[in-house]
């Protein structure tokens, strides 16, 4: 009974049935040996010698068959388990809504799985060999981002936002994780998630929290958030102006709040056209507006004077049949490094008060608040 027969019997019949089969064969072989039958008759060593050799072989077979069968059955189970896991992984990759990409230190894609075609514009086969920078536009990151990520000894994982070059309207979240082999960073595994819907919802929420619903200008909170970033990068040539509409309460009382809303909407449009970006325009509430003008004192004052003149010469529709001219008053103050924003706004508001006291329809500087400019 050759060893191959034992192994084959274990693999085909199973561990338990294989052991029983071998035991039955061993018993039959023993009976045959005592009856001078079977292949042992070919040995010219006498009956006692044949029995001794046969018994030795049978003892070896009995004691080793189970070990051999268990070993091979476990190997078979392992192969089946690995095959099952590979099939499951392939099924997950086919149905995944995310994409997984393996890149090397140069940013070249070595392997890809999942929804690469939908998210990156390339199939899992076609993206291999492409440079990641040619496939994605990573937001707020320099061109050497991938190189810096691999060179960093502390960064093992980093998450960034990106847009696919083939469809910039989509928003993607990229999670970079270093791939370590034998203690050496051989590349990175990138998980790509589509967060377009979440980004759109976030943008709507941010807009609602930062924008005035009537004029679509920044509200007080939105202005404060916007001006903070400006103050961090620019230490001078920032003018904060505070303005409101002259006799606006009389307009609301006479023609109603709908007429007031029409004026506020049109006034916001005129401000945006007269004082364009990077200047920051906001509505703080009611008929009060705050404008941050990014310019030197002379240009800032000229911009405000132009705005005052433009508004005073514009005809506003109070109702479908009633039109009128309106005027605004404005006070302003210039930013100095270290001066808090709320103090700056208070100075501009104080200058506005002096503009009102000086006859309205004019601009007043906080430093020269006792005279109209």
Protein backbone atom coordinates (compact mmCIF):
# COMPACT_ATOMS: atom_id res chain seq x y z
CA UNK A 1 0.00 0.00 0.00
CA UNK A 2 2.03 3.01 -1.23
CA UNK A 3 2.06 6.35 0.61
CA UNK A 4 0.42 8.08 -2.36
CA UNK A 5 -2.59 5.81 -1.91
CA UNK A 6 -2.90 6.83 1.73
CA UNK A 7 -2.65 10.52 0.88
CA UNK A 8 -5.06 10.29 -2.03
CA UNK A 9 -7.52 8.33 0.06
CA UNK A 10 -7.41 10.98 2.81
CA UNK A 11 -7.94 13.85 0.40
CA UNK A 12 -10.75 12.16 -1.50
CA UNK A 13 -12.56 10.33 1.26
CA UNK A 14 -11.99 12.65 4.17
CA UNK A 15 -10.02 12.32 7.37
CA UNK A 16 -12.25 9.89 9.31
CA UNK A 17 -13.33 7.72 6.39
CA UNK A 18 -9.74 7.65 5.14
CA UNK A 19 -8.45 6.34 8.49
CA UNK A 20 -11.12 3.62 8.60
CA UNK A 21 -10.30 2.57 5.05
CA UNK A 22 -6.61 2.22 5.80
CA UNK A 23 -7.36 0.17 8.92
CA UNK A 24 -9.57 -2.20 6.89
CA UNK A 25 -6.86 -2.55 4.25
CA UNK A 26 -4.30 -3.23 7.00
CA UNK A 27 -6.47 -6.03 8.45
CA UNK A 28 -6.99 -7.60 5.01
CA UNK A 29 -3.25 -7.37 4.34
CA UNK A 30 -2.52 -9.08 7.69
CA UNK A 31 -4.91 -11.96 6.92
CA UNK A 32 -3.44 -12.28 3.43
CA UNK A 33 0.09 -12.37 4.85
CA UNK A 34 -0.81 -15.18 7.27
CA UNK A 35 -2.50 -17.03 4.41
CA UNK A 36 0.58 -16.67 2.15
CA UNK A 37 -1.39 -14.51 -0.29
CA UNK A 38 -0.72 -11.15 -1.89
CA UNK A 39 2.48 -9.39 -3.01
CA UNK A 40 4.40 -10.44 0.14
CA UNK A 41 4.69 -13.91 -1.38
CA UNK A 42 7.25 -12.41 -3.81
CA UNK A 43 9.69 -11.88 -0.97
CA UNK A 44 12.07 -14.84 -0.62
CA UNK A 45 12.60 -14.42 3.06
CA UNK A 46 10.43 -17.12 4.42
CA UNK A 47 7.09 -16.98 6.13
CA UNK A 48 8.47 -15.56 9.38
CA UNK A 49 10.42 -12.87 7.55
CA UNK A 50 7.43 -11.92 5.45
CA UNK A 51 5.26 -11.56 8.49
CA UNK A 52 7.90 -9.48 10.28
CA UNK A 53 8.26 -7.08 7.31
CA UNK A 54 4.50 -6.92 6.84
CA UNK A 55 3.82 -6.20 10.49
CA UNK A 56 6.49 -3.51 10.53
CA UNK A 57 4.96 -1.87 7.45
CA UNK A 58 1.45 -2.13 8.82
CA UNK A 59 2.47 -0.65 12.16
CA UNK A 60 4.16 2.24 10.33
CA UNK A 61 1.11 2.77 8.14
CA UNK A 62 -1.34 2.68 11.05
CA UNK A 63 0.63 5.16 13.16
CA UNK A 64 1.48 7.55 10.31
CA UNK A 65 -1.71 7.48 8.26
CA UNK A 66 -3.70 9.65 10.65
CA UNK A 67 -0.91 12.22 10.90
CA UNK A 68 -0.55 12.32 7.13
CA UNK A 69 -4.29 12.52 6.56
CA UNK A 70 -4.73 15.30 9.17
CA UNK A 71 -1.85 17.26 7.65
CA UNK A 72 -3.21 17.07 4.14
CA UNK A 73 -6.79 17.64 5.17
CA UNK A 74 -5.76 20.79 7.03
CA UNK A 75 -3.82 21.91 3.98
CA UNK A 76 -6.88 21.27 1.85
CA UNK A 77 -9.07 23.24 4.29
CA UNK A 78 -6.51 26.08 4.24
CA UNK A 79 -6.55 26.18 0.45
CA UNK A 80 -10.35 26.19 0.47
CA UNK A 81 -10.38 28.96 3.08
CA UNK A 82 -7.94 31.11 1.11
CA UNK A 83 -9.92 30.52 -2.07
CA UNK A 84 -13.14 31.49 -0.30
CA UNK A 85 -11.56 34.68 1.05
CA UNK A 86 -10.21 35.57 -2.37
CA UNK A 87 -13.65 35.12 -3.88
CA UNK A 88 -15.19 37.22 -1.10
CA UNK A 89 -12.55 39.96 -1.61
CA UNK A 90 -13.18 39.96 -5.35
CA UNK A 91 -16.93 40.21 -4.70
CA UNK A 92 -16.41 43.13 -2.29
CA UNK A 93 -14.16 44.94 -4.78
CA UNK A 94 -16.66 44.54 -7.60
CA UNK A 95 -19.54 45.91 -5.52
CA UNK A 96 -17.59 48.56 -3.58
CA UNK A 97 -18.58 52.21 -3.95
CA UNK A 98 -15.07 53.25 -2.86
CA UNK A 99 -11.75 52.88 -4.64
CA UNK A 100 -8.49 51.47 -3.25
CA UNK A 101 -5.24 52.43 -4.94
CA UNK A 102 -1.67 51.32 -4.24
CA UNK A 103 1.04 53.83 -5.18
CA UNK A 104 4.83 53.85 -4.96
CA UNK A 105 7.11 56.64 -3.74
CA UNK A 106 6.89 58.39 -7.11
CA UNK A 107 3.09 58.50 -6.97
CA UNK A 108 2.63 55.88 -9.70
CA UNK A 109 -0.41 53.63 -9.36
CA UNK A 110 0.63 49.98 -9.01
CA UNK A 111 -2.74 48.40 -8.32
CA UNK A 112 -6.35 49.48 -8.02
CA UNK A 113 -9.63 47.96 -6.96
CA UNK A 114 -13.23 49.00 -6.38
CA UNK A 115 -15.07 51.84 -8.12
CA UNK A 116 -12.01 53.47 -9.71
CA UNK A 117 -13.78 54.07 -13.01
CA UNK A 118 -16.62 56.01 -11.36
CA UNK A 119 -14.45 57.99 -8.93
CA UNK A 120 -11.16 58.46 -10.76
CA UNK A 121 -12.14 58.19 -14.42
CA UNK A 122 -9.97 55.12 -15.06
CA UNK A 123 -10.70 51.41 -14.82
CA UNK A 124 -8.71 49.32 -12.37
CA UNK A 125 -6.55 48.12 -15.25
CA UNK A 126 -6.07 51.45 -17.06
CA UNK A 127 -5.04 53.41 -13.97
CA UNK A 128 -1.98 51.23 -13.42
CA UNK A 129 1.12 53.22 -14.35
CA UNK A 130 -0.67 56.58 -14.08
CA UNK A 131 0.71 59.24 -11.76
CA UNK A 132 -1.73 60.19 -9.01
CA UNK A 133 -1.19 63.92 -9.71
CA UNK A 134 -2.45 63.34 -13.27
CA UNK A 135 -5.63 61.70 -11.98
CA UNK A 136 -6.54 63.85 -8.96
CA UNK A 137 -6.30 67.48 -7.96
CA UNK A 138 -5.48 67.50 -4.24
CA UNK A 139 -6.88 70.61 -2.54
CA UNK A 140 -4.66 72.97 -0.54
CA UNK A 141 -1.60 70.79 -1.06
CA UNK A 142 1.64 71.61 -2.85
CA UNK A 143 2.82 69.48 -5.79
CA UNK A 144 5.37 67.75 -3.53
CA UNK A 145 2.69 66.47 -1.14
CA UNK A 146 3.26 62.78 -1.96
CA UNK A 147 7.03 63.10 -1.68
CA UNK A 148 6.73 64.94 1.65
CA UNK A 149 4.32 62.29 2.94
CA UNK A 150 6.79 59.49 2.26
CA UNK A 151 9.75 61.48 3.61
CA UNK A 152 7.99 62.22 6.89
CA UNK A 153 9.05 59.84 9.66
CA UNK A 154 6.06 60.73 11.86
CA UNK A 155 3.15 60.67 9.42
CA UNK A 156 1.74 57.18 8.99
CA UNK A 157 -1.72 58.29 7.94
CA UNK A 158 -3.02 61.46 6.31
CA UNK A 159 -6.44 62.48 5.02
CA UNK A 160 -6.92 65.11 2.31
CA UNK A 161 -9.65 66.39 0.01
CA UNK A 162 -9.37 66.11 -3.75
CA UNK A 163 -11.29 66.45 -7.00
CA UNK A 164 -10.99 64.06 -9.94
CA UNK A 165 -9.57 65.83 -12.96
CA UNK A 166 -12.14 64.21 -15.26
CA UNK A 167 -15.03 65.59 -13.13
CA UNK A 168 -14.09 68.59 -10.92
CA UNK A 169 -17.66 68.85 -9.63
CA UNK A 170 -17.06 65.79 -7.47
CA UNK A 171 -15.55 65.93 -3.99
CA UNK A 172 -13.38 63.03 -2.84
CA UNK A 173 -11.88 62.14 0.51
CA UNK A 174 -8.45 60.46 0.30
CA UNK A 175 -6.93 58.49 3.19
CA UNK A 176 -3.20 57.81 2.69
CA UNK A 177 -1.70 54.98 4.74
CA UNK A 178 1.92 53.90 4.38
CA UNK A 179 2.45 50.32 3.18
CA UNK A 180 5.28 48.67 5.11
CA UNK A 181 7.07 45.52 3.89
CA UNK A 182 9.85 43.94 5.98
CA UNK A 183 10.10 47.13 8.01
CA UNK A 184 10.52 49.35 4.92
CA UNK A 185 7.92 51.77 3.54
CA UNK A 186 7.37 50.39 0.04
CA UNK A 187 4.39 52.54 -0.92
CA UNK A 188 1.00 53.72 0.25
CA UNK A 189 -2.55 52.42 0.19
CA UNK A 190 -5.12 55.11 -0.65
CA UNK A 191 -8.80 54.72 0.13
CA UNK A 192 -10.95 57.03 -2.01
CA UNK A 193 -14.47 57.96 -0.83
CA UNK A 194 -17.04 60.04 -2.70
CA UNK A 195 -18.22 62.83 -0.35
CA UNK A 196 -19.87 65.03 -2.98
CA UNK A 197 -23.31 64.84 -1.37
CA UNK A 198 -21.93 65.51 2.11
CA UNK A 199 -19.89 68.47 0.80
CA UNK A 200 -22.94 69.98 -0.88
CA UNK A 201 -24.97 69.66 2.32
CA UNK A 202 -22.12 71.20 4.30
CA UNK A 203 -21.85 74.09 1.83
CA UNK A 204 -25.57 74.76 2.15
CA UNK A 205 -25.34 74.67 5.95
CA UNK A 206 -22.34 77.01 5.95
CA UNK A 207 -24.09 79.42 3.59
CA UNK A 208 -27.17 79.49 5.79
CA UNK A 209 -25.06 80.23 8.85
CA UNK A 210 -22.90 82.90 7.18
CA UNK A 211 -25.22 84.63 4.70
CA UNK A 212 -28.07 87.06 5.06
CA UNK A 213 -31.15 85.42 3.48
CA UNK A 214 -32.53 88.67 2.02
CA UNK A 215 -29.50 90.34 0.45
CA UNK A 216 -27.27 87.23 0.11
CA UNK A 217 -24.47 89.27 1.68
CA UNK A 218 -22.42 87.96 4.58
CA UNK A 219 -24.10 88.32 7.95
CA UNK A 220 -22.30 89.40 11.12
CA UNK A 221 -20.92 85.91 11.80
CA UNK A 222 -19.85 85.43 8.19
CA UNK A 223 -18.10 88.81 8.16
CA UNK A 224 -16.19 88.05 11.36
CA UNK A 225 -15.02 84.70 9.99
CA UNK A 226 -13.98 86.22 6.67
CA UNK A 227 -12.14 89.21 8.11
CA UNK A 228 -10.17 87.01 10.51
CA UNK A 229 -8.32 85.33 7.66
CA UNK A 230 -7.64 88.74 6.08
CA UNK A 231 -6.24 90.18 9.30
CA UNK A 232 -3.97 87.13 9.70
CA UNK A 233 -2.34 87.69 6.31
CA UNK A 234 -2.49 91.47 5.98
CA UNK A 235 -1.41 93.85 8.72
CA UNK A 236 -2.20 97.17 7.04
CA UNK A 237 -4.33 98.90 4.39
CA UNK A 238 -7.60 97.60 5.81
CA UNK A 239 -10.47 100.03 6.21
CA UNK A 240 -13.59 99.07 8.19
CA UNK A 241 -16.63 101.17 7.34
CA UNK A 242 -20.02 101.20 9.04
CA UNK A 243 -23.00 102.62 7.12
CA UNK A 244 -26.78 102.74 7.16
CA UNK A 245 -29.66 104.24 5.17
CA UNK A 246 -30.80 107.75 6.02
CA UNK A 247 -34.42 107.93 7.29
CA UNK A 248 -34.97 104.24 6.58
CA UNK A 249 -37.59 103.93 9.34
CA UNK A 250 -39.76 106.52 7.62
CA UNK A 251 -39.65 104.50 4.39
CA UNK A 252 -40.79 101.35 6.22
CA UNK A 253 -43.51 103.23 8.10
CA UNK A 254 -44.81 104.94 4.94
CA UNK A 255 -44.52 102.25 2.28
CA UNK A 256 -44.26 99.06 4.33
CA UNK A 257 -41.52 96.51 4.97
CA UNK A 258 -41.78 95.11 1.45
CA UNK A 259 -40.57 98.47 0.12
CA UNK A 260 -37.77 98.39 2.68
CA UNK A 261 -36.74 94.91 1.54
CA UNK A 262 -36.63 96.11 -2.07
CA UNK A 263 -34.29 98.93 -1.12
CA UNK A 264 -32.03 96.65 0.91
CA UNK A 265 -31.78 94.14 -1.96
CA UNK A 266 -30.99 96.81 -4.55
CA UNK A 267 -28.56 98.53 -2.20
CA UNK A 268 -26.68 95.26 -1.71
CA UNK A 269 -26.39 94.88 -5.50
CA UNK A 270 -25.00 98.41 -5.86
CA UNK A 271 -22.46 97.82 -3.09
CA UNK A 272 -21.19 94.63 -4.73
CA UNK A 273 -20.83 96.40 -8.06
CA UNK A 274 -19.14 99.50 -6.63
CA UNK A 275 -16.90 97.79 -4.04
CA UNK A 276 -16.00 94.46 -5.65
CA UNK A 277 -13.85 91.64 -4.14
CA UNK A 278 -11.47 91.22 -2.44
CA UNK A 279 -13.39 93.80 -0.40
CA UNK A 280 -15.84 92.26 2.07
CA UNK A 281 -19.46 93.46 2.27
CA UNK A 282 -21.86 92.38 5.01
CA UNK A 283 -25.25 93.20 6.45
CA UNK A 284 -25.17 93.33 10.22
CA UNK A 285 -28.93 93.71 10.57
CA UNK A 286 -31.76 96.05 9.63
CA UNK A 287 -30.32 98.76 7.38
CA UNK A 288 -26.81 98.53 8.88
CA UNK A 289 -23.93 97.38 6.68
CA UNK A 290 -20.23 96.86 7.39
CA UNK A 291 -17.67 96.91 4.57
CA UNK A 292 -13.99 95.99 4.80
CA UNK A 293 -12.03 97.72 2.04
CA UNK A 294 -8.60 96.29 1.28
CA UNK A 295 -6.79 99.43 0.11
CA UNK A 296 -4.61 102.30 1.25
CA UNK A 297 -6.36 105.21 3.04
CA UNK A 298 -6.71 107.38 -0.06
CA UNK A 299 -8.16 104.65 -2.26
CA UNK A 300 -10.43 103.42 0.52
CA UNK A 301 -11.87 106.89 1.09
CA UNK A 302 -12.35 107.37 -2.66
CA UNK A 303 -14.22 104.06 -2.87
CA UNK A 304 -16.56 105.07 -0.07
CA UNK A 305 -17.20 108.51 -1.61
CA UNK A 306 -17.97 106.84 -4.94
CA UNK A 307 -20.40 104.49 -3.20
CA UNK A 308 -22.17 107.38 -1.48
CA UNK A 309 -22.50 109.28 -4.77
CA UNK A 310 -23.67 106.21 -6.71
CA UNK A 311 -26.41 105.47 -4.22
CA UNK A 312 -27.60 109.08 -4.03
CA UNK A 313 -28.02 109.29 -7.83
CA UNK A 314 -29.76 105.92 -8.20
CA UNK A 315 -33.55 105.68 -8.47
CA UNK A 316 -34.97 102.96 -6.21
CA UNK A 317 -38.35 101.28 -6.69
CA UNK A 318 -40.25 101.42 -3.42
CA UNK A 319 -43.35 99.83 -4.98
CA UNK A 320 -44.41 98.95 -8.51
CA UNK A 321 -45.49 102.56 -9.00
CA UNK A 322 -43.45 104.58 -6.49
CA UNK A 323 -39.78 105.39 -7.07
CA UNK A 324 -37.46 107.50 -4.94
CA UNK A 325 -33.89 108.51 -4.21
CA UNK A 326 -32.22 107.46 -0.98
CA UNK A 327 -28.95 108.40 0.71
CA UNK A 328 -26.63 106.65 3.13
CA UNK A 329 -24.21 107.82 5.81
CA UNK A 330 -20.87 106.16 6.43
CA UNK A 331 -18.16 106.13 9.11
CA UNK A 332 -14.83 104.36 8.84
CA UNK A 333 -11.65 103.58 10.72
CA UNK A 334 -8.32 102.06 9.67
CA UNK A 335 -6.89 98.90 11.13
CA UNK A 336 -3.67 99.00 13.10
CA UNK A 337 -1.77 95.89 14.05
CA UNK A 338 -2.93 94.58 17.41
CA UNK A 339 -6.22 96.48 17.40
CA UNK A 340 -9.17 94.12 18.15
CA UNK A 341 -11.82 93.82 15.45
CA UNK A 342 -14.69 94.77 17.76
CA UNK A 343 -12.88 98.00 18.71
CA UNK A 344 -12.37 98.78 15.04
CA UNK A 345 -16.07 98.31 14.33
CA UNK A 346 -16.98 100.48 17.31
CA UNK A 347 -14.75 103.26 15.95
CA UNK A 348 -16.43 103.03 12.55
CA UNK A 349 -19.85 103.11 14.22
CA UNK A 350 -18.83 106.18 16.21
CA UNK A 351 -17.70 107.87 12.98
CA UNK A 352 -21.08 106.98 11.44
CA UNK A 353 -22.83 108.77 14.30
CA UNK A 354 -20.81 111.90 13.52
CA UNK A 355 -21.72 111.59 9.83
CA UNK A 356 -25.39 111.59 10.86
CA UNK A 357 -24.88 114.59 13.10
CA UNK A 358 -23.07 116.42 10.31
CA UNK A 359 -26.01 116.26 7.93
CA UNK A 360 -26.09 112.67 6.53
CA UNK A 361 -25.24 111.56 2.98
CA UNK A 362 -21.53 111.74 3.74
CA UNK A 363 -18.44 109.82 4.89
CA UNK A 364 -16.63 110.51 8.18
CA UNK A 365 -13.26 109.25 9.37
CA UNK A 366 -13.03 108.18 13.01
CA UNK A 367 -9.83 110.18 13.51
CA UNK A 368 -11.49 113.26 12.00
CA UNK A 369 -14.94 112.51 13.27
CA UNK A 370 -15.67 116.13 14.12
CA UNK A 371 -15.79 117.12 10.46
CA UNK A 372 -17.35 115.58 7.38
CA UNK A 373 -15.13 114.48 4.51
